[in-house]
Amino acid sequence: MESDFYDRLDVSYLPSRRPRGGTRVLYALGVVALLALVFQLFFRYEYLTSAGTVLRIDRITHQVCRIVQGRTDCSPAGVAQSYSTSTSTSTSTSLYPH
């Protein structure tokens, strides 16, 4: 009796299903990449102002950096970054006696 039911069932009007596992994986990877990009751009850093100094705190590594004239200074506290520029135009050579 059951076999008669399946013989009479006409499913030709139903669309055939193709496996779509690959496209779902690609969509999932795309969503994860988009979420990581949004987090990196908008939520990774927290900015605090204290006594006229702007501090940037990384929420992942908990590293604290100062913002000085639009640039980040992540050197340890008490150690100042130094910049030097040489402007010597001397062309003299050292002579020593023989």
C-alpha atoms as a PDB file:
ATOM      1  CA  MET A   1       0.000   0.000   0.000  1.00  0.00           C
ATOM      2  CA  GLU A   2       2.840   2.394   0.798  1.00  0.00           C
ATOM      3  CA  SER A   3       4.529   1.775  -2.534  1.00  0.00           C
ATOM      4  CA  ASP A   4       1.302   2.785  -4.328  1.00  0.00           C
ATOM      5  CA  PHE A   5       1.390   6.156  -2.559  1.00  0.00           C
ATOM      6  CA  TYR A   6       4.950   6.892  -3.671  1.00  0.00           C
ATOM      7  CA  ASP A   7       4.184   5.780  -7.217  1.00  0.00           C
ATOM      8  CA  ARG A   8       1.305   8.240  -7.438  1.00  0.00           C
ATOM      9  CA  LEU A   9       3.257  11.125  -5.930  1.00  0.00           C
ATOM     10  CA  ASP A  10       4.377  13.510  -8.639  1.00  0.00           C
ATOM     11  CA  VAL A  11       7.253  15.725  -7.505  1.00  0.00           C
ATOM     12  CA  SER A  12       8.408  16.891 -10.924  1.00  0.00           C
ATOM     13  CA  TYR A  13       7.032  20.386 -10.278  1.00  0.00           C
ATOM     14  CA  LEU A  14       9.293  20.854  -7.232  1.00  0.00           C
ATOM     15  CA  PRO A  15      12.605  22.600  -7.913  1.00  0.00           C
ATOM     16  CA  SER A  16      15.670  20.459  -7.630  1.00  0.00           C
ATOM     17  CA  ARG A  17      18.003  21.289  -4.758  1.00  0.00           C
ATOM     18  CA  ARG A  18      21.669  21.639  -5.448  1.00  0.00           C
ATOM     19  CA  PRO A  19      24.161  21.483  -2.606  1.00  0.00           C
ATOM     20  CA  ARG A  20      25.047  25.030  -1.558  1.00  0.00           C
ATOM     21  CA  GLY A  21      27.555  24.315   1.198  1.00  0.00           C
ATOM     22  CA  GLY A  22      30.383  26.175  -0.533  1.00  0.00           C
ATOM     23  CA  THR A  23      28.496  29.437  -0.947  1.00  0.00           C
ATOM     24  CA  ARG A  24      27.309  29.369   2.659  1.00  0.00           C
ATOM     25  CA  VAL A  25      30.905  29.012   3.843  1.00  0.00           C
ATOM     26  CA  LEU A  26      31.955  31.954   1.662  1.00  0.00           C
ATOM     27  CA  TYR A  27      29.096  34.090   3.000  1.00  0.00           C
ATOM     28  CA  ALA A  28      30.041  33.169   6.578  1.00  0.00           C
ATOM     29  CA  LEU A  29      33.704  34.084   5.963  1.00  0.00           C
ATOM     30  CA  GLY A  30      32.628  37.364   4.390  1.00  0.00           C
ATOM     31  CA  VAL A  31      30.468  38.229   7.398  1.00  0.00           C
ATOM     32  CA  VAL A  32      33.295  37.394   9.826  1.00  0.00           C
ATOM     33  CA  ALA A  33      35.740  39.535   7.814  1.00  0.00           C
ATOM     34  CA  LEU A  34      33.264  42.428   7.731  1.00  0.00           C
ATOM     35  CA  LEU A  35      32.683  42.220  11.490  1.00  0.00           C
ATOM     36  CA  ALA A  36      36.452  42.157  12.134  1.00  0.00           C
ATOM     37  CA  LEU A  37      36.911  45.232   9.936  1.00  0.00           C
ATOM     38  CA  VAL A  38      34.122  47.145  11.692  1.00  0.00           C
ATOM     39  CA  PHE A  39      35.577  46.231  15.100  1.00  0.00           C
ATOM     40  CA  GLN A  40      39.061  47.315  14.036  1.00  0.00           C
ATOM     41  CA  LEU A  41      37.845  50.646  12.698  1.00  0.00           C
ATOM     42  CA  PHE A  42      35.310  51.667  15.347  1.00  0.00           C
ATOM     43  CA  PHE A  43      35.603  49.663  18.568  1.00  0.00           C
ATOM     44  CA  ARG A  44      39.228  48.603  19.107  1.00  0.00           C
ATOM     45  CA  TYR A  45      40.526  51.792  20.718  1.00  0.00           C
ATOM     46  CA  GLU A  46      39.184  53.847  23.588  1.00  0.00           C
ATOM     47  CA  TYR A  47      40.259  57.478  23.887  1.00  0.00           C
ATOM     48  CA  LEU A  48      40.531  59.278  27.235  1.00  0.00           C
ATOM     49  CA  THR A  49      41.477  62.867  28.002  1.00  0.00           C
ATOM     50  CA  SER A  50      43.378  63.583  31.199  1.00  0.00           C
ATOM     51  CA  ALA A  51      44.941  66.947  32.056  1.00  0.00           C
ATOM     52  CA  GLY A  52      45.179  67.995  28.434  1.00  0.00           C
ATOM     53  CA  THR A  53      46.739  64.702  27.336  1.00  0.00           C
ATOM     54  CA  VAL A  54      44.855  62.363  25.027  1.00  0.00           C
ATOM     55  CA  LEU A  55      45.412  58.674  25.757  1.00  0.00           C
ATOM     56  CA  ARG A  56      44.564  55.820  23.407  1.00  0.00           C
ATOM     57  CA  ILE A  57      43.873  52.463  25.066  1.00  0.00           C
ATOM     58  CA  ASP A  58      43.909  49.309  22.968  1.00  0.00           C
ATOM     59  CA  ARG A  59      41.034  47.113  24.127  1.00  0.00           C
ATOM     60  CA  ILE A  60      42.754  43.904  22.990  1.00  0.00           C
ATOM     61  CA  THR A  61      46.332  44.348  24.248  1.00  0.00           C
ATOM     62  CA  HIS A  62      45.557  46.981  26.930  1.00  0.00           C
ATOM     63  CA  GLN A  63      48.466  49.081  25.675  1.00  0.00           C
ATOM     64  CA  VAL A  64      48.224  52.773  26.566  1.00  0.00           C
ATOM     65  CA  CYS A  65      49.640  55.313  24.114  1.00  0.00           C
ATOM     66  CA  ARG A  66      49.733  59.092  24.197  1.00  0.00           C
ATOM     67  CA  ILE A  67      48.505  61.075  21.220  1.00  0.00           C
ATOM     68  CA  VAL A  68      50.923  63.933  20.529  1.00  0.00           C
ATOM     69  CA  GLN A  69      50.129  66.252  17.622  1.00  0.00           C
ATOM     70  CA  GLY A  70      48.125  63.558  15.843  1.00  0.00           C
ATOM     71  CA  ARG A  71      50.796  60.870  16.234  1.00  0.00           C
ATOM     72  CA  THR A  72      50.782  57.989  18.667  1.00  0.00           C
ATOM     73  CA  ASP A  73      53.594  57.736  21.203  1.00  0.00           C
ATOM     74  CA  CYS A  74      53.640  54.235  22.679  1.00  0.00           C
ATOM     75  CA  SER A  75      56.995  54.471  24.444  1.00  0.00           C
ATOM     76  CA  PRO A  76      57.029  53.293  28.072  1.00  0.00           C
ATOM     77  CA  ALA A  77      56.326  55.904  30.735  1.00  0.00           C
ATOM     78  CA  GLY A  78      59.407  57.834  31.749  1.00  0.00           C
ATOM     79  CA  VAL A  79      61.216  57.064  28.495  1.00  0.00           C
ATOM     80  CA  ALA A  80      60.834  59.915  26.086  1.00  0.00           C
ATOM     81  CA  GLN A  81      61.340  59.385  22.405  1.00  0.00           C
ATOM     82  CA  SER A  82      64.163  61.534  21.115  1.00  0.00           C
ATOM     83  CA  TYR A  83      64.595  62.819  17.632  1.00  0.00           C
ATOM     84  CA  SER A  84      67.900  64.217  16.433  1.00  0.00           C
ATOM     85  CA  THR A  85      68.844  65.957  13.243  1.00  0.00           C
ATOM     86  CA  SER A  86      72.409  66.597  12.189  1.00  0.00           C
ATOM     87  CA  THR A  87      73.024  69.898  10.447  1.00  0.00           C
ATOM     88  CA  SER A  88      76.811  69.819  10.268  1.00  0.00           C
ATOM     89  CA  THR A  89      78.298  71.131   7.036  1.00  0.00           C
ATOM     90  CA  SER A  90      81.905  70.632   8.033  1.00  0.00           C
ATOM     91  CA  THR A  91      84.216  69.067   5.444  1.00  0.00           C
ATOM     92  CA  SER A  92      87.405  69.111   7.477  1.00  0.00           C
ATOM     93  CA  THR A  93      89.431  65.961   8.006  1.00  0.00           C
ATOM     94  CA  SER A  94      91.268  65.058  11.149  1.00  0.00           C
ATOM     95  CA  LEU A  95      94.995  65.149  10.917  1.00  0.00           C
ATOM     96  CA  TYR A  96      97.164  63.516  13.469  1.00  0.00           C
ATOM     97  CA  PRO A  97     100.940  63.807  13.796  1.00  0.00           C
ATOM     98  CA  HIS A  98     103.130  60.924  12.646  1.00  0.00           C
END
